[in-house]
């Protein structure tokens, strides 16, 4: 009984977490520490140029459609790869899911 408790994931997580905290406390005493406020630590810096204000504001409007496209296609591939061939009822659900994903991609990529 005690061996199964020691091998249970929650108990192992607690033991490893406690060991990590103890090791962190021990090694933090030997860690290299910088001075509190080095000169220029509060100044804005970008691409080798000093700025007085933060002028760069990235635009992600073109990134998100591609990120959603990538995510949807990978989830569909995962669904197709994990459909068991023994159960024919699941093929209908997988086909329905894939058709919904295709409709979603058409909506996403229309201009």
Protein backbone atom coordinates (compact mmCIF):
# COMPACT_ATOMS: atom_id res chain seq x y z
CA UNK A 1 0.00 0.00 0.00
CA UNK A 2 2.74 2.49 0.88
CA UNK A 3 4.60 1.82 -2.36
CA UNK A 4 1.56 2.72 -4.44
CA UNK A 5 1.14 5.99 -2.53
CA UNK A 6 4.79 6.87 -3.13
CA UNK A 7 4.38 6.25 -6.87
CA UNK A 8 1.18 8.26 -7.27
CA UNK A 9 1.58 11.37 -9.48
CA UNK A 10 0.32 13.93 -6.92
CA UNK A 11 2.67 12.64 -4.24
CA UNK A 12 5.60 12.54 -6.68
CA UNK A 13 4.80 16.10 -7.79
CA UNK A 14 4.83 17.36 -4.18
CA UNK A 15 8.15 15.61 -3.45
CA UNK A 16 9.80 16.98 -6.61
CA UNK A 17 8.37 20.46 -5.98
CA UNK A 18 9.76 20.51 -2.43
CA UNK A 19 13.15 19.30 -3.70
CA UNK A 20 13.17 22.03 -6.38
CA UNK A 21 12.36 24.73 -3.81
CA UNK A 22 15.11 23.51 -1.48
CA UNK A 23 17.66 23.39 -4.32
CA UNK A 24 16.59 26.83 -5.48
CA UNK A 25 17.12 28.26 -1.99
CA UNK A 26 20.53 26.62 -1.68
CA UNK A 27 21.81 27.72 -5.10
CA UNK A 28 20.37 31.23 -4.85
CA UNK A 29 22.95 31.99 -2.18
CA UNK A 30 25.73 31.34 -4.68
CA UNK A 31 24.04 33.06 -7.62
CA UNK A 32 25.63 36.05 -9.29
CA UNK A 33 23.74 39.23 -8.44
CA UNK A 34 23.96 42.46 -10.35
CA UNK A 35 23.86 45.84 -8.70
CA UNK A 36 20.39 47.15 -7.89
CA UNK A 37 20.06 49.93 -10.49
CA UNK A 38 22.78 49.86 -13.15
CA UNK A 39 23.09 53.00 -15.29
CA UNK A 40 20.68 53.00 -18.22
CA UNK A 41 18.49 50.20 -16.85
CA UNK A 42 15.32 52.30 -17.09
CA UNK A 43 16.00 53.72 -20.57
CA UNK A 44 14.12 52.42 -23.64
CA UNK A 45 16.31 50.55 -26.12
CA UNK A 46 15.49 48.97 -29.48
CA UNK A 47 17.67 47.71 -32.34
CA UNK A 48 20.79 49.55 -31.28
CA UNK A 49 19.14 52.95 -31.02
CA UNK A 50 18.16 54.83 -27.91
CA UNK A 51 14.59 56.11 -27.92
CA UNK A 52 12.95 58.59 -25.64
CA UNK A 53 9.52 57.07 -26.27
CA UNK A 54 8.36 53.65 -27.34
CA UNK A 55 7.58 54.24 -31.01
CA UNK A 56 7.35 50.64 -32.21
CA UNK A 57 3.89 49.09 -32.15
CA UNK A 58 3.73 45.77 -34.01
CA UNK A 59 0.71 44.99 -36.16
CA UNK A 60 -0.55 41.40 -35.84
CA UNK A 61 -3.56 41.75 -38.13
CA UNK A 62 -1.91 39.65 -40.87
CA UNK A 63 -0.48 37.10 -38.41
CA UNK A 64 -3.66 35.90 -36.73
CA UNK A 65 -5.39 34.44 -39.81
CA UNK A 66 -2.31 32.32 -40.52
CA UNK A 67 -2.06 31.26 -36.89
CA UNK A 68 -5.71 30.17 -36.85
CA UNK A 69 -5.25 28.39 -40.20
CA UNK A 70 -2.24 26.50 -38.82
CA UNK A 71 -4.11 25.57 -35.61
CA UNK A 72 -7.27 24.41 -37.37
CA UNK A 73 -5.36 22.26 -39.85
CA UNK A 74 -3.29 20.61 -37.14
CA UNK A 75 -6.34 19.84 -35.01
CA UNK A 76 -8.10 18.36 -38.04
CA UNK A 77 -5.03 16.25 -38.79
CA UNK A 78 -5.03 15.06 -35.18
CA UNK A 79 -8.72 14.12 -35.41
CA UNK A 80 -8.17 12.22 -38.65
CA UNK A 81 -5.13 10.39 -37.26
CA UNK A 82 -6.87 9.28 -34.08
CA UNK A 83 -10.14 7.94 -35.54
CA UNK A 84 -10.23 4.21 -34.80
CA UNK A 85 -10.98 2.16 -37.91
CA UNK A 86 -13.14 -0.36 -36.03
CA UNK A 87 -16.01 2.01 -35.28
CA UNK A 88 -17.83 3.29 -38.37
CA UNK A 89 -20.07 5.66 -36.39
CA UNK A 90 -17.08 7.80 -35.51
CA UNK A 91 -16.27 8.29 -39.20
CA UNK A 92 -19.49 10.28 -39.57
CA UNK A 93 -18.56 12.52 -36.63
CA UNK A 94 -15.01 12.96 -37.96
CA UNK A 95 -16.39 13.85 -41.40
CA UNK A 96 -18.77 16.34 -39.82
CA UNK A 97 -15.89 17.88 -37.87
CA UNK A 98 -13.70 18.09 -40.96
CA UNK A 99 -16.48 19.72 -42.99
CA UNK A 100 -17.02 22.26 -40.19
CA UNK A 101 -13.27 22.97 -40.20
CA UNK A 102 -13.31 23.48 -43.98
CA UNK A 103 -16.22 25.90 -43.67
CA UNK A 104 -14.34 27.72 -40.91
CA UNK A 105 -11.24 27.98 -43.10
CA UNK A 106 -13.30 29.33 -46.00
CA UNK A 107 -14.77 31.99 -43.72
CA UNK A 108 -11.34 32.76 -42.29
CA UNK A 109 -9.55 33.14 -45.62
CA UNK A 110 -12.21 34.96 -47.64
CA UNK A 111 -11.33 38.49 -48.65
